[in-house]
C-alpha atoms as a PDB file:
ATOM      1  CA  MET A   1       0.152   0.153   0.000  1.00  0.00           C
ATOM      2  CA  SER A   2       1.284   3.436  -0.903  1.00  0.00           C
ATOM      3  CA  GLU A   3       2.116   5.675   2.072  1.00  0.00           C
ATOM      4  CA  GLU A   4      -0.228   8.487   0.855  1.00  0.00           C
ATOM      5  CA  LYS A   5      -3.361   5.646   1.018  1.00  0.00           C
ATOM      6  CA  LYS A   6      -2.569   4.329   4.887  1.00  0.00           C
ATOM      7  CA  ASP A   7      -5.550   6.537   5.905  1.00  0.00           C
ATOM      8  CA  PHE A   8      -7.308   3.697   6.555  1.00  0.00           C
ATOM      9  CA  ASP A   9      -4.969   1.235   7.376  1.00  0.00           C
ATOM     10  CA  LEU A  10      -5.257  -0.422  11.138  1.00  0.00           C
ATOM     11  CA  GLU A  11      -1.570   0.669  11.838  1.00  0.00           C
ATOM     12  CA  VAL A  12      -2.692   4.398  11.476  1.00  0.00           C
ATOM     13  CA  LEU A  13      -5.990   3.833  12.886  1.00  0.00           C
ATOM     14  CA  GLY A  14      -5.397   1.877  15.794  1.00  0.00           C
ATOM     15  CA  PRO A  15      -3.302   4.353  17.292  1.00  0.00           C
ATOM     16  CA  ALA A  16      -5.684   7.015  16.150  1.00  0.00           C
ATOM     17  CA  LEU A  17      -8.547   5.175  17.995  1.00  0.00           C
ATOM     18  CA  ALA A  18      -6.725   4.919  21.230  1.00  0.00           C
ATOM     19  CA  GLU A  19      -5.607   8.360  21.264  1.00  0.00           C
ATOM     20  CA  ARG A  20      -9.119   9.422  20.592  1.00  0.00           C
ATOM     21  CA  ALA A  21     -10.196   7.222  23.594  1.00  0.00           C
ATOM     22  CA  GLU A  22      -7.532   8.744  26.101  1.00  0.00           C
ATOM     23  CA  LYS A  23      -9.041  12.364  24.670  1.00  0.00           C
ATOM     24  CA  GLY A  24     -12.442  11.421  26.006  1.00  0.00           C
ATOM     25  CA  GLN A  25     -14.940  14.330  25.872  1.00  0.00           C
ATOM     26  CA  ASP A  26     -12.157  16.927  25.088  1.00  0.00           C
ATOM     27  CA  TYR A  27     -13.799  17.506  21.740  1.00  0.00           C
ATOM     28  CA  ILE A  28     -17.242  16.312  22.310  1.00  0.00           C
ATOM     29  CA  ALA A  29     -20.067  18.945  21.851  1.00  0.00           C
ATOM     30  CA  ALA A  30     -22.796  19.007  24.860  1.00  0.00           C
ATOM     31  CA  PRO A  31     -25.626  17.590  22.661  1.00  0.00           C
ATOM     32  CA  LEU A  32     -27.676  20.722  23.319  1.00  0.00           C
ATOM     33  CA  ALA A  33     -24.518  22.762  22.014  1.00  0.00           C
ATOM     34  CA  MET A  34     -24.634  20.630  18.983  1.00  0.00           C
ATOM     35  CA  GLN A  35     -28.408  21.208  18.741  1.00  0.00           C
ATOM     36  CA  GLY A  36     -27.633  25.073  18.635  1.00  0.00           C
ATOM     37  CA  LYS A  37     -25.485  25.219  16.095  1.00  0.00           C
ATOM     38  CA  LEU A  38     -27.256  23.030  13.872  1.00  0.00           C
ATOM     39  CA  PHE A  39     -30.429  24.770  14.646  1.00  0.00           C
ATOM     40  CA  GLY A  40     -28.473  28.234  13.586  1.00  0.00           C
ATOM     41  CA  PHE A  41     -27.393  26.822  10.610  1.00  0.00           C
ATOM     42  CA  ILE A  42     -30.450  25.708   9.641  1.00  0.00           C
ATOM     43  CA  ALA A  43     -32.443  28.719  10.122  1.00  0.00           C
ATOM     44  CA  ASN A  44     -29.753  30.770   8.509  1.00  0.00           C
ATOM     45  CA  GLU A  45     -30.178  28.889   5.478  1.00  0.00           C
ATOM     46  CA  ILE A  46     -33.971  28.985   5.165  1.00  0.00           C
ATOM     47  CA  ILE A  47     -34.128  32.687   6.375  1.00  0.00           C
ATOM     48  CA  GLY A  48     -31.398  33.417   3.881  1.00  0.00           C
ATOM     49  CA  ARG A  49     -33.364  31.822   0.843  1.00  0.00           C
ATOM     50  CA  PHE A  50     -36.856  32.473   2.055  1.00  0.00           C
ATOM     51  CA  GLY A  51     -36.752  36.133   4.357  1.00  0.00           C
ATOM     52  CA  GLU A  52     -39.623  36.801   6.553  1.00  0.00           C
ATOM     53  CA  GLU A  53     -41.627  33.709   5.295  1.00  0.00           C
ATOM     54  CA  GLY A  54     -38.769  31.633   5.940  1.00  0.00           C
ATOM     55  CA  GLU A  55     -38.395  33.194   9.708  1.00  0.00           C
ATOM     56  CA  GLU A  56     -42.074  32.774  10.332  1.00  0.00           C
ATOM     57  CA  ALA A  57     -41.667  28.602   9.269  1.00  0.00           C
ATOM     58  CA  ILE A  58     -38.812  28.600  11.815  1.00  0.00           C
ATOM     59  CA  ILE A  59     -40.822  30.007  14.548  1.00  0.00           C
ATOM     60  CA  GLU A  60     -43.854  27.539  13.740  1.00  0.00           C
ATOM     61  CA  ALA A  61     -41.546  24.699  13.364  1.00  0.00           C
ATOM     62  CA  VAL A  62     -39.973  25.512  17.006  1.00  0.00           C
ATOM     63  CA  LYS A  63     -43.537  26.165  18.379  1.00  0.00           C
ATOM     64  CA  ARG A  64     -44.929  22.561  16.923  1.00  0.00           C
ATOM     65  CA  PHE A  65     -41.815  20.799  18.340  1.00  0.00           C
ATOM     66  CA  GLY A  66     -42.126  22.328  21.647  1.00  0.00           C
ATOM     67  CA  GLU A  67     -46.008  21.635  21.448  1.00  0.00           C
ATOM     68  CA  GLU A  68     -45.078  17.787  20.793  1.00  0.00           C
ATOM     69  CA  ARG A  69     -42.391  17.489  23.742  1.00  0.00           C
ATOM     70  CA  GLY A  70     -44.817  18.801  25.790  1.00  0.00           C
ATOM     71  CA  ARG A  71     -47.188  16.328  25.121  1.00  0.00           C
ATOM     72  CA  ARG A  72     -45.221  13.425  25.709  1.00  0.00           C
ATOM     73  CA  MET A  73     -44.313  14.558  28.761  1.00  0.00           C
ATOM     74  CA  ALA A  74     -47.618  14.911  29.809  1.00  0.00           C
ATOM     75  CA  GLN A  75     -48.088  11.146  28.356  1.00  0.00           C
ATOM     76  CA  ALA A  76     -44.971  10.279  30.285  1.00  0.00           C
ATOM     77  CA  VAL A  77     -46.642  11.915  33.347  1.00  0.00           C
ATOM     78  CA  LYS A  78     -50.273   9.807  32.873  1.00  0.00           C
ATOM     79  CA  ALA A  79     -48.481   6.596  32.306  1.00  0.00           C
ATOM     80  CA  GLU A  80     -46.909   7.350  35.847  1.00  0.00           C
ATOM     81  CA  GLY A  81     -50.041   7.944  37.462  1.00  0.00           C
ATOM     82  CA  ARG A  82     -49.234  11.438  38.177  1.00  0.00           C
ATOM     83  CA  GLU A  83     -50.994  14.570  38.054  1.00  0.00           C
ATOM     84  CA  ALA A  84     -50.021  17.104  35.604  1.00  0.00           C
ATOM     85  CA  SER A  85     -48.590  19.296  38.000  1.00  0.00           C
ATOM     86  CA  PHE A  86     -45.398  21.714  37.901  1.00  0.00           C
ATOM     87  CA  ALA A  87     -43.587  19.478  40.045  1.00  0.00           C
ATOM     88  CA  SER A  88     -44.167  16.328  37.652  1.00  0.00           C
ATOM     89  CA  PHE A  89     -42.997  18.304  34.759  1.00  0.00           C
ATOM     90  CA  LEU A  90     -39.950  18.715  36.112  1.00  0.00           C
ATOM     91  CA  ILE A  91     -39.529  15.221  37.121  1.00  0.00           C
ATOM     92  CA  CYS A  92     -40.559  13.988  33.723  1.00  0.00           C
ATOM     93  CA  SER A  93     -38.760  16.681  31.815  1.00  0.00           C
ATOM     94  CA  ASP A  94     -36.892  15.352  28.125  1.00  0.00           C
ATOM     95  CA  LEU A  95     -34.132  18.089  28.879  1.00  0.00           C
ATOM     96  CA  ASP A  96     -30.879  17.185  30.596  1.00  0.00           C
ATOM     97  CA  THR A  97     -30.160  20.193  32.631  1.00  0.00           C
ATOM     98  CA  SER A  98     -27.143  19.150  34.086  1.00  0.00           C
ATOM     99  CA  TYR A  99     -25.109  21.183  31.180  1.00  0.00           C
ATOM    100  CA  HIS A 100     -27.047  24.255  32.545  1.00  0.00           C
ATOM    101  CA  GLU A 101     -26.205  26.784  35.365  1.00  0.00           C
ATOM    102  CA  MET A 102     -29.473  28.204  36.654  1.00  0.00           C
ATOM    103  CA  VAL A 103     -31.184  29.202  39.968  1.00  0.00           C
ATOM    104  CA  PRO A 104     -34.725  28.815  40.414  1.00  0.00           C
ATOM    105  CA  HIS A 105     -36.541  31.646  42.589  1.00  0.00           C
ATOM    106  CA  ILE A 106     -39.881  30.481  44.166  1.00  0.00           C
ATOM    107  CA  GLU A 107     -42.346  33.280  43.800  1.00  0.00           C
ATOM    108  CA  GLU A 108     -46.277  33.628  44.760  1.00  0.00           C
ATOM    109  CA  GLY A 109     -48.087  31.354  41.894  1.00  0.00           C
ATOM    110  CA  ALA A 110     -44.541  31.211  40.003  1.00  0.00           C
ATOM    111  CA  VAL A 111     -40.964  29.548  39.340  1.00  0.00           C
ATOM    112  CA  ARG A 112     -38.752  32.186  37.872  1.00  0.00           C
ATOM    113  CA  VAL A 113     -35.691  30.488  36.497  1.00  0.00           C
ATOM    114  CA  GLU A 114     -32.386  32.605  36.135  1.00  0.00           C
ATOM    115  CA  ILE A 115     -29.692  30.885  33.474  1.00  0.00           C
ATOM    116  CA  THR A 116     -26.454  32.125  33.604  1.00  0.00           C
ATOM    117  CA  TYR A 117     -24.989  29.775  30.932  1.00  0.00           C
ATOM    118  CA  CYS A 118     -26.481  27.387  28.514  1.00  0.00           C
ATOM    119  CA  PRO A 119     -24.952  25.202  26.130  1.00  0.00           C
ATOM    120  CA  PHE A 120     -26.978  26.319  23.341  1.00  0.00           C
ATOM    121  CA  ALA A 121     -26.825  29.772  23.754  1.00  0.00           C
ATOM    122  CA  GLU A 122     -22.990  29.706  24.043  1.00  0.00           C
ATOM    123  CA  ALA A 123     -22.829  27.334  20.832  1.00  0.00           C
ATOM    124  CA  CYS A 124     -24.803  29.764  18.774  1.00  0.00           C
ATOM    125  CA  LYS A 125     -22.718  32.333  20.189  1.00  0.00           C
ATOM    126  CA  GLU A 126     -19.794  30.775  19.285  1.00  0.00           C
ATOM    127  CA  TRP A 127     -20.579  29.819  15.834  1.00  0.00           C
ATOM    128  CA  GLY A 128     -22.116  33.357  15.296  1.00  0.00           C
ATOM    129  CA  VAL A 129     -25.477  32.403  14.895  1.00  0.00           C
ATOM    130  CA  GLU A 130     -27.419  33.894  17.772  1.00  0.00           C
ATOM    131  CA  GLU A 131     -29.558  36.029  15.624  1.00  0.00           C
ATOM    132  CA  TYR A 132     -31.399  32.443  14.675  1.00  0.00           C
ATOM    133  CA  GLY A 133     -30.895  30.677  18.298  1.00  0.00           C
ATOM    134  CA  LYS A 134     -33.064  33.389  19.953  1.00  0.00           C
ATOM    135  CA  LEU A 135     -36.137  32.135  17.178  1.00  0.00           C
ATOM    136  CA  PHE A 136     -35.726  29.198  19.266  1.00  0.00           C
ATOM    137  CA  CYS A 137     -34.972  30.417  22.625  1.00  0.00           C
ATOM    138  CA  ARG A 138     -37.914  32.811  22.638  1.00  0.00           C
ATOM    139  CA  ASN A 139     -40.555  30.549  21.589  1.00  0.00           C
ATOM    140  CA  ILE A 140     -39.255  27.085  22.995  1.00  0.00           C
ATOM    141  CA  ASP A 141     -40.328  26.790  26.460  1.00  0.00           C
ATOM    142  CA  GLY A 142     -43.689  28.421  26.200  1.00  0.00           C
ATOM    143  CA  ALA A 143     -44.434  25.900  23.659  1.00  0.00           C
ATOM    144  CA  ILE A 144     -43.471  22.973  25.803  1.00  0.00           C
ATOM    145  CA  MET A 145     -45.935  23.771  28.526  1.00  0.00           C
ATOM    146  CA  GLN A 146     -48.475  24.707  25.737  1.00  0.00           C
ATOM    147  CA  GLY A 147     -48.349  21.250  25.139  1.00  0.00           C
ATOM    148  CA  TYR A 148     -47.960  19.886  28.594  1.00  0.00           C
ATOM    149  CA  ASN A 149     -50.886  21.454  30.298  1.00  0.00           C
ATOM    150  CA  PRO A 150     -52.025  24.719  28.777  1.00  0.00           C
ATOM    151  CA  GLU A 151     -55.184  24.819  30.753  1.00  0.00           C
ATOM    152  CA  ARG A 152     -53.142  25.420  34.121  1.00  0.00           C
ATOM    153  CA  TYR A 153     -49.881  26.979  33.245  1.00  0.00           C
ATOM    154  CA  GLU A 154     -47.942  29.225  31.046  1.00  0.00           C
ATOM    155  CA  THR A 155     -44.508  30.279  30.499  1.00  0.00           C
ATOM    156  CA  ILE A 156     -42.589  33.513  29.674  1.00  0.00           C
ATOM    157  CA  CYS A 157     -39.343  33.653  28.303  1.00  0.00           C
ATOM    158  CA  GLU A 158     -38.574  37.400  29.755  1.00  0.00           C
ATOM    159  CA  GLN A 159     -34.764  37.812  28.050  1.00  0.00           C
ATOM    160  CA  ASN A 160     -32.764  35.313  26.989  1.00  0.00           C
ATOM    161  CA  LEU A 161     -28.659  34.978  25.844  1.00  0.00           C
ATOM    162  CA  THR A 162     -29.010  34.572  22.377  1.00  0.00           C
ATOM    163  CA  GLU A 163     -30.621  38.246  22.640  1.00  0.00           C
ATOM    164  CA  GLY A 164     -27.303  39.221  24.306  1.00  0.00           C
ATOM    165  CA  ALA A 165     -28.956  39.719  27.802  1.00  0.00           C
ATOM    166  CA  GLU A 166     -26.436  38.574  30.815  1.00  0.00           C
ATOM    167  CA  THR A 167     -29.032  35.820  31.686  1.00  0.00           C
ATOM    168  CA  CYS A 168     -32.199  33.845  30.519  1.00  0.00           C
ATOM    169  CA  ILE A 169     -35.259  34.511  32.483  1.00  0.00           C
ATOM    170  CA  ILE A 170     -38.143  32.224  32.290  1.00  0.00           C
ATOM    171  CA  VAL A 171     -41.175  32.509  34.282  1.00  0.00           C
ATOM    172  CA  TYR A 172     -43.499  29.576  35.010  1.00  0.00           C
ATOM    173  CA  LYS A 173     -46.713  30.679  36.438  1.00  0.00           C
ATOM    174  CA  PHE A 174     -50.573  29.622  36.652  1.00  0.00           C
ATOM    175  CA  LYS A 175     -52.786  31.151  33.914  1.00  0.00           C
ATOM    176  CA  ASP A 176     -54.238  34.103  34.788  1.00  0.00           C
END
């Protein structure tokens, strides 16, 4: 085999795979970070091609995605014989928040969550696609709650990191 064609040779790949195993997570993006990058690039392409109509389609897709996630969480809650409460929402959430830095503040009839670090927002910023990431951030949490228990709760995104705020502030509260 010629020297230039050894890319797929076990003598080359064996040590490369061993070194990869040693590096562990060094080059692995947190799942939500990779999703932020992907979302930003897809939204950029769609809006670049279709303008305002593309942006509206992206927002609608985020809302439909969020509502479906919420419905699936509600199904998980029901399958466990739980009430569709906010506590059950937290227990059966489909989002791994271990990558986030956040502090919940319990208020009268509400929970205000302040997020100081989000891998989705950080990835959007790192790759220069915050402009598109904010379309996701502005709409996703409200849509999830709309799918989960729309009669009882609402969610308000007061500010978010992808729009340049110092923190995300998401308020979960009883519907008025």
